PDB file of all heavy atoms in Angstrom:
ATOM      1  N   LEU A   1       9.190  -6.445   9.492  1.00  0.00           N
ATOM      2  CA  LEU A   1       9.057  -7.814   8.976  1.00  0.00           C
ATOM      3  C   LEU A   1       7.787  -7.985   8.125  1.00  0.00           C
ATOM      4  O   LEU A   1       7.807  -8.727   7.136  1.00  0.00           O
ATOM      5  CB  LEU A   1       9.063  -8.737  10.149  1.00  0.00           C
ATOM      6  CG  LEU A   1      10.398  -8.915  10.875  1.00  0.00           C
ATOM      7  CD1 LEU A   1      10.251  -9.803  12.132  1.00  0.00           C
ATOM      8  CD2 LEU A   1      11.487  -9.487   9.985  1.00  0.00           C
ATOM      9  N   CYS A   2       6.699  -7.328   8.509  1.00  0.00           N
ATOM     10  CA  CYS A   2       5.462  -7.371   7.694  1.00  0.00           C
ATOM     11  C   CYS A   2       5.694  -6.734   6.350  1.00  0.00           C
ATOM     12  O   CYS A   2       5.230  -7.244   5.319  1.00  0.00           O
ATOM     13  CB  CYS A   2       4.315  -6.716   8.453  1.00  0.00           C
ATOM     14  SG  CYS A   2       3.718  -7.619   9.901  1.00  0.00           S
ATOM     15  N   TYR A   3       6.362  -5.575   6.323  1.00  0.00           N
ATOM     16  CA  TYR A   3       6.718  -4.949   5.057  1.00  0.00           C
ATOM     17  C   TYR A   3       7.606  -5.831   4.217  1.00  0.00           C
ATOM     18  O   TYR A   3       7.507  -5.927   2.982  1.00  0.00           O
ATOM     19  CB  TYR A   3       7.397  -3.603   5.312  1.00  0.00           C
ATOM     20  CG  TYR A   3       6.449  -2.452   5.354  1.00  0.00           C
ATOM     21  CD1 TYR A   3       5.777  -2.086   6.499  1.00  0.00           C
ATOM     22  CD2 TYR A   3       6.194  -1.725   4.209  1.00  0.00           C
ATOM     23  CE1 TYR A   3       4.921  -1.032   6.533  1.00  0.00           C
ATOM     24  CE2 TYR A   3       5.318  -0.613   4.214  1.00  0.00           C
ATOM     25  CZ  TYR A   3       4.679  -0.263   5.403  1.00  0.00           C
ATOM     26  OH  TYR A   3       3.815   0.776   5.415  1.00  0.00           O
ATOM     27  N   ALA A   4       8.600  -6.510   4.871  1.00  0.00           N
ATOM     28  CA  ALA A   4       9.484  -7.404   4.163  1.00  0.00           C
ATOM     29  C   ALA A   4       8.707  -8.568   3.511  1.00  0.00           C
ATOM     30  O   ALA A   4       8.974  -8.959   2.390  1.00  0.00           O
ATOM     31  CB  ALA A   4      10.560  -7.922   5.127  1.00  0.00           C
ATOM     32  N   LYS A   5       7.753  -9.057   4.291  1.00  0.00           N
ATOM     33  CA  LYS A   5       6.913 -10.168   3.797  1.00  0.00           C
ATOM     34  C   LYS A   5       6.132  -9.722   2.573  1.00  0.00           C
ATOM     35  O   LYS A   5       6.089 -10.442   1.565  1.00  0.00           O
ATOM     36  CB  LYS A   5       5.965 -10.567   4.920  1.00  0.00           C
ATOM     37  CG  LYS A   5       4.815 -11.540   4.449  1.00  0.00           C
ATOM     38  CD  LYS A   5       5.336 -12.871   3.998  1.00  0.00           C
ATOM     39  CE  LYS A   5       4.214 -13.793   3.558  1.00  0.00           C
ATOM     40  NZ  LYS A   5       4.678 -15.084   3.033  1.00  0.00           N
ATOM     41  N   MET A   6       5.473  -8.568   2.644  1.00  0.00           N
ATOM     42  CA  MET A   6       4.637  -8.141   1.500  1.00  0.00           C
ATOM     43  C   MET A   6       5.482  -7.724   0.332  1.00  0.00           C
ATOM     44  O   MET A   6       5.148  -7.917  -0.824  1.00  0.00           O
ATOM     45  CB  MET A   6       3.762  -6.965   2.008  1.00  0.00           C
ATOM     46  CG  MET A   6       2.741  -7.312   3.038  1.00  0.00           C
ATOM     47  SD  MET A   6       1.728  -8.762   2.605  1.00  0.00           S
ATOM     48  CE  MET A   6       0.878  -8.174   1.129  1.00  0.00           C
ATOM     49  N   ALA A   7       6.701  -7.129   0.603  1.00  0.00           N
ATOM     50  CA  ALA A   7       7.595  -6.731  -0.501  1.00  0.00           C
ATOM     51  C   ALA A   7       8.123  -7.951  -1.254  1.00  0.00           C
ATOM     52  O   ALA A   7       8.373  -7.874  -2.433  1.00  0.00           O
ATOM     53  CB  ALA A   7       8.729  -5.906   0.059  1.00  0.00           C
ATOM     54  N   ALA A   8       8.317  -9.033  -0.512  1.00  0.00           N
ATOM     55  CA  ALA A   8       8.812 -10.292  -1.141  1.00  0.00           C
ATOM     56  C   ALA A   8       7.663 -10.977  -1.888  1.00  0.00           C
ATOM     57  O   ALA A   8       7.924 -11.677  -2.854  1.00  0.00           O
ATOM     58  CB  ALA A   8       9.386 -11.206  -0.115  1.00  0.00           C
ATOM     59  N   THR A   9       6.439 -10.796  -1.432  1.00  0.00           N
ATOM     60  CA  THR A   9       5.270 -11.419  -2.038  1.00  0.00           C
ATOM     61  C   THR A   9       4.885 -10.659  -3.305  1.00  0.00           C
ATOM     62  O   THR A   9       4.560 -11.281  -4.331  1.00  0.00           O
ATOM     63  CB  THR A   9       4.080 -11.489  -1.062  1.00  0.00           C
ATOM     64  OG1 THR A   9       4.472 -12.192   0.123  1.00  0.00           O
ATOM     65  CG2 THR A   9       2.901 -12.160  -1.683  1.00  0.00           C
ATOM     66  N   TYR A  10       4.842  -9.342  -3.174  1.00  0.00           N
ATOM     67  CA  TYR A  10       4.463  -8.496  -4.355  1.00  0.00           C
ATOM     68  C   TYR A  10       5.602  -7.537  -4.651  1.00  0.00           C
ATOM     69  O   TYR A  10       5.891  -6.631  -3.881  1.00  0.00           O
ATOM     70  CB  TYR A  10       3.192  -7.668  -4.040  1.00  0.00           C
ATOM     71  CG  TYR A  10       2.019  -8.536  -3.810  1.00  0.00           C
ATOM     72  CD1 TYR A  10       1.482  -8.661  -2.496  1.00  0.00           C
ATOM     73  CD2 TYR A  10       1.342  -9.254  -4.823  1.00  0.00           C
ATOM     74  CE1 TYR A  10       0.368  -9.458  -2.270  1.00  0.00           C
ATOM     75  CE2 TYR A  10       0.247 -10.028  -4.589  1.00  0.00           C
ATOM     76  CZ  TYR A  10      -0.222 -10.125  -3.309  1.00  0.00           C
ATOM     77  OH  TYR A  10      -1.346 -10.914  -3.087  1.00  0.00           O
ATOM     78  N   THR A  11       6.297  -7.817  -5.716  1.00  0.00           N
ATOM     79  CA  THR A  11       7.499  -6.994  -6.042  1.00  0.00           C
ATOM     80  C   THR A  11       7.236  -5.748  -6.845  1.00  0.00           C
ATOM     81  O   THR A  11       8.151  -5.078  -7.297  1.00  0.00           O
ATOM     82  CB  THR A  11       8.527  -7.885  -6.796  1.00  0.00           C
ATOM     83  OG1 THR A  11       7.899  -8.395  -7.951  1.00  0.00           O
ATOM     84  CG2 THR A  11       8.976  -9.064  -5.957  1.00  0.00           C
ATOM     85  N   GLU A  12       5.938  -5.464  -7.110  1.00  0.00           N
ATOM     86  CA  GLU A  12       5.613  -4.290  -7.832  1.00  0.00           C
ATOM     87  C   GLU A  12       5.857  -3.020  -7.003  1.00  0.00           C
ATOM     88  O   GLU A  12       5.824  -3.052  -5.754  1.00  0.00           O
ATOM     89  CB  GLU A  12       4.118  -4.263  -8.304  1.00  0.00           C
ATOM     90  CG  GLU A  12       3.792  -5.300  -9.324  1.00  0.00           C
ATOM     91  CD  GLU A  12       3.519  -6.705  -8.770  1.00  0.00           C
ATOM     92  OE1 GLU A  12       3.748  -6.885  -7.571  1.00  0.00           O
ATOM     93  OE2 GLU A  12       3.084  -7.536  -9.526  1.00  0.00           O
ATOM     94  N   THR A  13       6.117  -1.878  -7.643  1.00  0.00           N
ATOM     95  CA  THR A  13       6.264  -0.632  -6.961  1.00  0.00           C
ATOM     96  C   THR A  13       4.949  -0.200  -6.372  1.00  0.00           C
ATOM     97  O   THR A  13       3.890  -0.366  -7.020  1.00  0.00           O
ATOM     98  CB  THR A  13       6.752   0.472  -7.945  1.00  0.00           C
ATOM     99  OG1 THR A  13       8.127   0.132  -8.359  1.00  0.00           O
ATOM    100  CG2 THR A  13       6.822   1.829  -7.287  1.00  0.00           C
ATOM    101  N   GLY A  14       4.969   0.406  -5.191  1.00  0.00           N
ATOM    102  CA  GLY A  14       3.702   0.880  -4.617  1.00  0.00           C
ATOM    103  C   GLY A  14       3.761   0.957  -3.111  1.00  0.00           C
ATOM    104  O   GLY A  14       3.417   1.976  -2.536  1.00  0.00           O
ATOM    105  N   GLY A  15       4.092  -0.089  -2.432  1.00  0.00           N
ATOM    106  CA  GLY A  15       4.123  -0.085  -0.971  1.00  0.00           C
ATOM    107  C   GLY A  15       2.749  -0.337  -0.388  1.00  0.00           C
ATOM    108  O   GLY A  15       1.987  -1.136  -0.909  1.00  0.00           O
ATOM    109  N   ALA A  16       2.464   0.404   0.699  1.00  0.00           N
ATOM    110  CA  ALA A  16       1.235   0.122   1.509  1.00  0.00           C
ATOM    111  C   ALA A  16      -0.083   0.208   0.664  1.00  0.00           C
ATOM    112  O   ALA A  16      -0.919  -0.639   0.879  1.00  0.00           O
ATOM    113  CB  ALA A  16       1.171   1.112   2.657  1.00  0.00           C
ATOM    114  N   TRP A  17      -0.165   1.177  -0.204  1.00  0.00           N
ATOM    115  CA  TRP A  17      -1.446   1.293  -0.903  1.00  0.00           C
ATOM    116  C   TRP A  17      -1.613   0.120  -1.859  1.00  0.00           C
ATOM    117  O   TRP A  17      -2.738  -0.383  -2.007  1.00  0.00           O
ATOM    118  CB  TRP A  17      -1.526   2.608  -1.745  1.00  0.00           C
ATOM    119  CG  TRP A  17      -0.605   2.614  -2.934  1.00  0.00           C
ATOM    120  CD1 TRP A  17       0.633   3.202  -3.003  1.00  0.00           C
ATOM    121  CD2 TRP A  17      -0.871   2.086  -4.229  1.00  0.00           C
ATOM    122  NE1 TRP A  17       1.159   3.045  -4.268  1.00  0.00           N
ATOM    123  CE2 TRP A  17       0.235   2.336  -5.071  1.00  0.00           C
ATOM    124  CE3 TRP A  17      -1.956   1.392  -4.758  1.00  0.00           C
ATOM    125  CZ2 TRP A  17       0.330   1.967  -6.362  1.00  0.00           C
ATOM    126  CZ3 TRP A  17      -1.890   0.996  -6.100  1.00  0.00           C
ATOM    127  CH2 TRP A  17      -0.716   1.282  -6.909  1.00  0.00           C
ATOM    128  N   PHE A  18      -0.524  -0.427  -2.396  1.00  0.00           N
ATOM    129  CA  PHE A  18      -0.637  -1.578  -3.338  1.00  0.00           C
ATOM    130  C   PHE A  18      -1.009  -2.836  -2.529  1.00  0.00           C
ATOM    131  O   PHE A  18      -1.817  -3.665  -2.977  1.00  0.00           O
ATOM    132  CB  PHE A  18       0.644  -1.795  -4.092  1.00  0.00           C
ATOM    133  CG  PHE A  18       0.568  -2.877  -5.130  1.00  0.00           C
ATOM    134  CD1 PHE A  18      -0.090  -2.678  -6.261  1.00  0.00           C
ATOM    135  CD2 PHE A  18       1.158  -4.111  -4.886  1.00  0.00           C
ATOM    136  CE1 PHE A  18      -0.198  -3.706  -7.214  1.00  0.00           C
ATOM    137  CE2 PHE A  18       1.125  -5.119  -5.814  1.00  0.00           C
ATOM    138  CZ  PHE A  18       0.407  -4.926  -7.015  1.00  0.00           C
ATOM    139  N   TYR A  19      -0.427  -3.007  -1.373  1.00  0.00           N
ATOM    140  CA  TYR A  19      -0.751  -4.159  -0.527  1.00  0.00           C
ATOM    141  C   TYR A  19      -2.206  -4.077  -0.082  1.00  0.00           C
ATOM    142  O   TYR A  19      -2.881  -5.114  -0.030  1.00  0.00           O
ATOM    143  CB  TYR A  19       0.150  -4.163   0.727  1.00  0.00           C
ATOM    144  CG  TYR A  19       1.611  -4.083   0.423  1.00  0.00           C
ATOM    145  CD1 TYR A  19       2.511  -3.470   1.311  1.00  0.00           C
ATOM    146  CD2 TYR A  19       2.166  -4.599  -0.749  1.00  0.00           C
ATOM    147  CE1 TYR A  19       3.869  -3.374   1.060  1.00  0.00           C
ATOM    148  CE2 TYR A  19       3.524  -4.531  -1.014  1.00  0.00           C
ATOM    149  CZ  TYR A  19       4.409  -3.922  -0.110  1.00  0.00           C
ATOM    150  OH  TYR A  19       5.690  -3.826  -0.360  1.00  0.00           O
ATOM    151  N   ALA A  20      -2.673  -2.885   0.222  1.00  0.00           N
ATOM    152  CA  ALA A  20      -4.128  -2.700   0.602  1.00  0.00           C
ATOM    153  C   ALA A  20      -5.051  -3.115  -0.562  1.00  0.00           C
ATOM    154  O   ALA A  20      -6.048  -3.769  -0.390  1.00  0.00           O
ATOM    155  CB  ALA A  20      -4.391  -1.274   1.048  1.00  0.00           C
ATOM    156  N   TYR A  21      -4.662  -2.656  -1.770  1.00  0.00           N
ATOM    157  CA  TYR A  21      -5.497  -2.995  -2.946  1.00  0.00           C
ATOM    158  C   TYR A  21      -5.547  -4.502  -3.191  1.00  0.00           C
ATOM    159  O   TYR A  21      -6.572  -5.113  -3.397  1.00  0.00           O
ATOM    160  CB  TYR A  21      -4.910  -2.259  -4.140  1.00  0.00           C
ATOM    161  CG  TYR A  21      -5.765  -2.525  -5.402  1.00  0.00           C
ATOM    162  CD1 TYR A  21      -6.747  -1.577  -5.754  1.00  0.00           C
ATOM    163  CD2 TYR A  21      -5.563  -3.629  -6.230  1.00  0.00           C
ATOM    164  CE1 TYR A  21      -7.540  -1.794  -6.901  1.00  0.00           C
ATOM    165  CE2 TYR A  21      -6.341  -3.798  -7.358  1.00  0.00           C
ATOM    166  CZ  TYR A  21      -7.290  -2.893  -7.693  1.00  0.00           C
ATOM    167  OH  TYR A  21      -8.083  -3.110  -8.825  1.00  0.00           O
ATOM    168  N   GLU A  22      -4.354  -5.120  -3.135  1.00  0.00           N
ATOM    169  CA  GLU A  22      -4.269  -6.568  -3.385  1.00  0.00           C
ATOM    170  C   GLU A  22      -5.002  -7.413  -2.345  1.00  0.00           C
ATOM    171  O   GLU A  22      -5.649  -8.368  -2.618  1.00  0.00           O
ATOM    172  CB  GLU A  22      -2.807  -6.999  -3.458  1.00  0.00           C
ATOM    173  CG  GLU A  22      -2.085  -6.522  -4.715  1.00  0.00           C
ATOM    174  CD  GLU A  22      -2.710  -7.144  -5.970  1.00  0.00           C
ATOM    175  OE1 GLU A  22      -2.994  -8.354  -5.970  1.00  0.00           O
ATOM    176  OE2 GLU A  22      -2.844  -6.425  -6.982  1.00  0.00           O
ATOM    177  N   ALA A  23      -4.898  -6.951  -1.083  1.00  0.00           N
ATOM    178  CA  ALA A  23      -5.453  -7.753   0.012  1.00  0.00           C
ATOM    179  C   ALA A  23      -6.934  -7.491   0.243  1.00  0.00           C
ATOM    180  O   ALA A  23      -7.680  -8.412   0.555  1.00  0.00           O
ATOM    181  CB  ALA A  23      -4.667  -7.490   1.281  1.00  0.00           C
ATOM    182  N   PHE A  24      -7.386  -6.259   0.063  1.00  0.00           N
ATOM    183  CA  PHE A  24      -8.710  -5.865   0.473  1.00  0.00           C
ATOM    184  C   PHE A  24      -9.558  -5.193  -0.546  1.00  0.00           C
ATOM    185  O   PHE A  24     -10.728  -4.945  -0.329  1.00  0.00           O
ATOM    186  CB  PHE A  24      -8.641  -4.974   1.739  1.00  0.00           C
ATOM    187  CG  PHE A  24      -7.804  -5.570   2.844  1.00  0.00           C
ATOM    188  CD1 PHE A  24      -6.579  -5.020   3.167  1.00  0.00           C
ATOM    189  CD2 PHE A  24      -8.174  -6.750   3.528  1.00  0.00           C
ATOM    190  CE1 PHE A  24      -5.761  -5.593   4.176  1.00  0.00           C
ATOM    191  CE2 PHE A  24      -7.417  -7.291   4.537  1.00  0.00           C
ATOM    192  CZ  PHE A  24      -6.199  -6.700   4.857  1.00  0.00           C
ATOM    193  N   GLY A  25      -9.008  -4.845  -1.711  1.00  0.00           N
ATOM    194  CA  GLY A  25      -9.799  -4.288  -2.804  1.00  0.00           C
ATOM    195  C   GLY A  25      -9.561  -2.813  -3.090  1.00  0.00           C
ATOM    196  O   GLY A  25      -8.705  -2.175  -2.457  1.00  0.00           O
ATOM    197  N   ARG A  26     -10.357  -2.266  -4.011  1.00  0.00           N
ATOM    198  CA  ARG A  26     -10.075  -0.963  -4.531  1.00  0.00           C
ATOM    199  C   ARG A  26     -10.308   0.173  -3.470  1.00  0.00           C
ATOM    200  O   ARG A  26      -9.460   1.084  -3.378  1.00  0.00           O
ATOM    201  CB  ARG A  26     -11.000  -0.698  -5.738  1.00  0.00           C
ATOM    202  CG  ARG A  26     -10.736   0.699  -6.362  1.00  0.00           C
ATOM    203  CD  ARG A  26     -11.643   0.963  -7.537  1.00  0.00           C
ATOM    204  NE  ARG A  26     -11.427   2.299  -8.073  1.00  0.00           N
ATOM    205  CZ  ARG A  26     -10.430   2.631  -8.904  1.00  0.00           C
ATOM    206  NH1 ARG A  26      -9.586   1.712  -9.282  1.00  0.00           N
ATOM    207  NH2 ARG A  26     -10.257   3.892  -9.280  1.00  0.00           N
ATOM    208  N   TYR A  27     -11.341   0.092  -2.732  1.00  0.00           N
ATOM    209  CA  TYR A  27     -11.655   1.166  -1.766  1.00  0.00           C
ATOM    210  C   TYR A  27     -10.559   1.297  -0.730  1.00  0.00           C
ATOM    211  O   TYR A  27     -10.063   2.439  -0.449  1.00  0.00           O
ATOM    212  CB  TYR A  27     -13.036   1.005  -1.119  1.00  0.00           C
ATOM    213  CG  TYR A  27     -13.268   1.993  -0.047  1.00  0.00           C
ATOM    214  CD1 TYR A  27     -13.434   3.355  -0.364  1.00  0.00           C
ATOM    215  CD2 TYR A  27     -13.327   1.641   1.326  1.00  0.00           C
ATOM    216  CE1 TYR A  27     -13.643   4.314   0.650  1.00  0.00           C
ATOM    217  CE2 TYR A  27     -13.576   2.568   2.287  1.00  0.00           C
ATOM    218  CZ  TYR A  27     -13.690   3.911   1.959  1.00  0.00           C
ATOM    219  OH  TYR A  27     -13.904   4.828   2.951  1.00  0.00           O
ATOM    220  N   PRO A  28     -10.124   0.200  -0.017  1.00  0.00           N
ATOM    221  CA  PRO A  28      -9.027   0.334   0.909  1.00  0.00           C
ATOM    222  C   PRO A  28      -7.733   0.875   0.184  1.00  0.00           C
ATOM    223  O   PRO A  28      -6.972   1.666   0.793  1.00  0.00           O
ATOM    224  CB  PRO A  28      -8.804  -1.105   1.415  1.00  0.00           C
ATOM    225  CG  PRO A  28     -10.143  -1.714   1.277  1.00  0.00           C
ATOM    226  CD  PRO A  28     -10.693  -1.157   0.017  1.00  0.00           C
ATOM    227  N   GLY A  29      -7.549   0.419  -1.061  1.00  0.00           N
ATOM    228  CA  GLY A  29      -6.343   0.926  -1.813  1.00  0.00           C
ATOM    229  C   GLY A  29      -6.458   2.404  -2.053  1.00  0.00           C
ATOM    230  O   GLY A  29      -5.418   3.108  -1.964  1.00  0.00           O
ATOM    231  N   PHE A  30      -7.679   2.912  -2.353  1.00  0.00           N
ATOM    232  CA  PHE A  30      -7.883   4.283  -2.455  1.00  0.00           C
ATOM    233  C   PHE A  30      -7.599   5.076  -1.218  1.00  0.00           C
ATOM    234  O   PHE A  30      -6.878   6.103  -1.208  1.00  0.00           O
ATOM    235  CB  PHE A  30      -9.332   4.536  -2.928  1.00  0.00           C
ATOM    236  CG  PHE A  30      -9.742   6.009  -2.974  1.00  0.00           C
ATOM    237  CD1 PHE A  30      -9.604   6.693  -4.204  1.00  0.00           C
ATOM    238  CD2 PHE A  30     -10.266   6.672  -1.901  1.00  0.00           C
ATOM    239  CE1 PHE A  30      -9.992   8.030  -4.261  1.00  0.00           C
ATOM    240  CE2 PHE A  30     -10.663   7.994  -1.967  1.00  0.00           C
ATOM    241  CZ  PHE A  30     -10.509   8.684  -3.118  1.00  0.00           C
ATOM    242  N   GLN A  31      -8.116   4.554  -0.071  1.00  0.00           N
ATOM    243  CA  GLN A  31      -7.918   5.239   1.197  1.00  0.00           C
ATOM    244  C   GLN A  31      -6.429   5.314   1.574  1.00  0.00           C
ATOM    245  O   GLN A  31      -5.934   6.370   1.925  1.00  0.00           O
ATOM    246  CB  GLN A  31      -8.661   4.489   2.337  1.00  0.00           C
ATOM    247  CG  GLN A  31     -10.161   4.721   2.349  1.00  0.00           C
ATOM    248  CD  GLN A  31     -10.476   6.054   3.036  1.00  0.00           C
ATOM    249  OE1 GLN A  31      -9.620   6.824   3.388  1.00  0.00           O
ATOM    250  NE2 GLN A  31     -11.768   6.285   3.187  1.00  0.00           N
ATOM    251  N   ILE A  32      -5.724   4.219   1.376  1.00  0.00           N
ATOM    252  CA  ILE A  32      -4.251   4.197   1.769  1.00  0.00           C
ATOM    253  C   ILE A  32      -3.469   5.033   0.762  1.00  0.00           C
ATOM    254  O   ILE A  32      -2.424   5.631   1.102  1.00  0.00           O
ATOM    255  CB  ILE A  32      -3.763   2.761   1.834  1.00  0.00           C
ATOM    256  CG1 ILE A  32      -4.587   1.972   2.847  1.00  0.00           C
ATOM    257  CG2 ILE A  32      -2.270   2.764   2.240  1.00  0.00           C
ATOM    258  CD1 ILE A  32      -4.618   2.587   4.236  1.00  0.00           C
ATOM    259  N   GLY A  33      -3.993   5.116  -0.465  1.00  0.00           N
ATOM    260  CA  GLY A  33      -3.331   5.966  -1.493  1.00  0.00           C
ATOM    261  C   GLY A  33      -3.398   7.433  -1.034  1.00  0.00           C
ATOM    262  O   GLY A  33      -2.419   8.165  -1.192  1.00  0.00           O
ATOM    263  N   ILE A  34      -4.561   7.852  -0.564  1.00  0.00           N
ATOM    264  CA  ILE A  34      -4.721   9.205   0.001  1.00  0.00           C
ATOM    265  C   ILE A  34      -3.750   9.451   1.156  1.00  0.00           C
ATOM    266  O   ILE A  34      -3.075  10.479   1.182  1.00  0.00           O
ATOM    267  CB  ILE A  34      -6.194   9.430   0.443  1.00  0.00           C
ATOM    268  CG1 ILE A  34      -7.135   9.522  -0.738  1.00  0.00           C
ATOM    269  CG2 ILE A  34      -6.301  10.698   1.329  1.00  0.00           C
ATOM    270  CD1 ILE A  34      -7.079  10.857  -1.483  1.00  0.00           C
ATOM    271  N   PHE A  35      -3.708   8.503   2.078  1.00  0.00           N
ATOM    272  CA  PHE A  35      -2.832   8.660   3.221  1.00  0.00           C
ATOM    273  C   PHE A  35      -1.362   8.588   2.856  1.00  0.00           C
ATOM    274  O   PHE A  35      -0.522   9.203   3.483  1.00  0.00           O
ATOM    275  CB  PHE A  35      -3.171   7.663   4.316  1.00  0.00           C
ATOM    276  CG  PHE A  35      -4.372   8.016   5.106  1.00  0.00           C
ATOM    277  CD1 PHE A  35      -5.609   7.482   4.867  1.00  0.00           C
ATOM    278  CD2 PHE A  35      -4.235   8.935   6.151  1.00  0.00           C
ATOM    279  CE1 PHE A  35      -6.734   7.795   5.615  1.00  0.00           C
ATOM    280  CE2 PHE A  35      -5.358   9.324   6.934  1.00  0.00           C
ATOM    281  CZ  PHE A  35      -6.606   8.752   6.661  1.00  0.00           C
ATOM    282  N   SER A  36      -1.042   7.820   1.773  1.00  0.00           N
ATOM    283  CA  SER A  36       0.361   7.807   1.297  1.00  0.00           C
ATOM    284  C   SER A  36       0.817   9.147   0.804  1.00  0.00           C
ATOM    285  O   SER A  36       1.953   9.578   1.075  1.00  0.00           O
ATOM    286  CB  SER A  36       0.504   6.747   0.236  1.00  0.00           C
ATOM    287  OG  SER A  36       0.216   5.447   0.683  1.00  0.00           O
ATOM    288  N   TRP A  37      -0.072   9.823   0.061  1.00  0.00           N
ATOM    289  CA  TRP A  37       0.231  11.184  -0.415  1.00  0.00           C
ATOM    290  C   TRP A  37       0.324  12.114   0.734  1.00  0.00           C
ATOM    291  O   TRP A  37       1.247  12.928   0.868  1.00  0.00           O
ATOM    292  CB  TRP A  37      -0.835  11.625  -1.421  1.00  0.00           C
ATOM    293  CG  TRP A  37      -0.806  13.078  -1.698  1.00  0.00           C
ATOM    294  CD1 TRP A  37       0.176  13.790  -2.300  1.00  0.00           C
ATOM    295  CD2 TRP A  37      -1.828  14.045  -1.336  1.00  0.00           C
ATOM    296  NE1 TRP A  37      -0.162  15.142  -2.363  1.00  0.00           N
ATOM    297  CE2 TRP A  37      -1.403  15.315  -1.807  1.00  0.00           C
ATOM    298  CE3 TRP A  37      -3.096  13.939  -0.753  1.00  0.00           C
ATOM    299  CZ2 TRP A  37      -2.153  16.479  -1.621  1.00  0.00           C
ATOM    300  CZ3 TRP A  37      -3.849  15.089  -0.603  1.00  0.00           C
ATOM    301  CH2 TRP A  37      -3.369  16.328  -1.031  1.00  0.00           C
ATOM    302  N   LEU A  38      -0.642  11.999   1.690  1.00  0.00           N
ATOM    303  CA  LEU A  38      -0.656  12.932   2.844  1.00  0.00           C
ATOM    304  C   LEU A  38       0.541  12.706   3.791  1.00  0.00           C
ATOM    305  O   LEU A  38       0.983  13.671   4.408  1.00  0.00           O
ATOM    306  CB  LEU A  38      -1.959  12.713   3.650  1.00  0.00           C
ATOM    307  CG  LEU A  38      -3.192  13.385   3.059  1.00  0.00           C
ATOM    308  CD1 LEU A  38      -4.457  12.943   3.874  1.00  0.00           C
ATOM    309  CD2 LEU A  38      -3.090  14.898   3.078  1.00  0.00           C
ATOM    310  N   LEU A  39       1.101  11.517   3.784  1.00  0.00           N
ATOM    311  CA  LEU A  39       2.356  11.326   4.521  1.00  0.00           C
ATOM    312  C   LEU A  39       3.411  12.241   4.038  1.00  0.00           C
ATOM    313  O   LEU A  39       4.125  12.871   4.835  1.00  0.00           O
ATOM    314  CB  LEU A  39       2.781   9.882   4.414  1.00  0.00           C
ATOM    315  CG  LEU A  39       4.052   9.507   5.164  1.00  0.00           C
ATOM    316  CD1 LEU A  39       3.998   9.851   6.646  1.00  0.00           C
ATOM    317  CD2 LEU A  39       4.427   8.064   4.965  1.00  0.00           C
ATOM    318  N   GLY A  40       3.554  12.397   2.749  1.00  0.00           N
ATOM    319  CA  GLY A  40       4.495  13.304   2.187  1.00  0.00           C
ATOM    320  C   GLY A  40       4.182  14.788   2.475  1.00  0.00           C
ATOM    321  O   GLY A  40       5.062  15.559   2.756  1.00  0.00           O
ATOM    322  N   VAL A  41       2.902  15.119   2.393  1.00  0.00           N
ATOM    323  CA  VAL A  41       2.487  16.508   2.658  1.00  0.00           C
ATOM    324  C   VAL A  41       2.758  16.899   4.114  1.00  0.00           C
ATOM    325  O   VAL A  41       3.318  17.978   4.386  1.00  0.00           O
ATOM    326  CB  VAL A  41       0.930  16.636   2.367  1.00  0.00           C
ATOM    327  CG1 VAL A  41       0.474  18.062   2.718  1.00  0.00           C
ATOM    328  CG2 VAL A  41       0.625  16.342   0.925  1.00  0.00           C
ATOM    329  N   ILE A  42       2.372  16.006   5.019  1.00  0.00           N
ATOM    330  CA  ILE A  42       2.607  16.322   6.445  1.00  0.00           C
ATOM    331  C   ILE A  42       4.126  16.349   6.778  1.00  0.00           C
ATOM    332  O   ILE A  42       4.584  17.170   7.584  1.00  0.00           O
ATOM    333  CB  ILE A  42       1.832  15.323   7.327  1.00  0.00           C
ATOM    334  CG1 ILE A  42       0.353  15.409   7.061  1.00  0.00           C
ATOM    335  CG2 ILE A  42       2.081  15.620   8.818  1.00  0.00           C
ATOM    336  CD1 ILE A  42      -0.448  14.280   7.708  1.00  0.00           C
TER     337      ILE A  42
END
């Protein structure tokens, strides 16, 4: 439901890292971007 809320609020492609950037700034967006890539690696 939280993902649904954020996806409806921000319709740009990106997911968690984009929500982190929009809500908390560049550094959290960077961190979640790293973990988004690592999710695929793991």
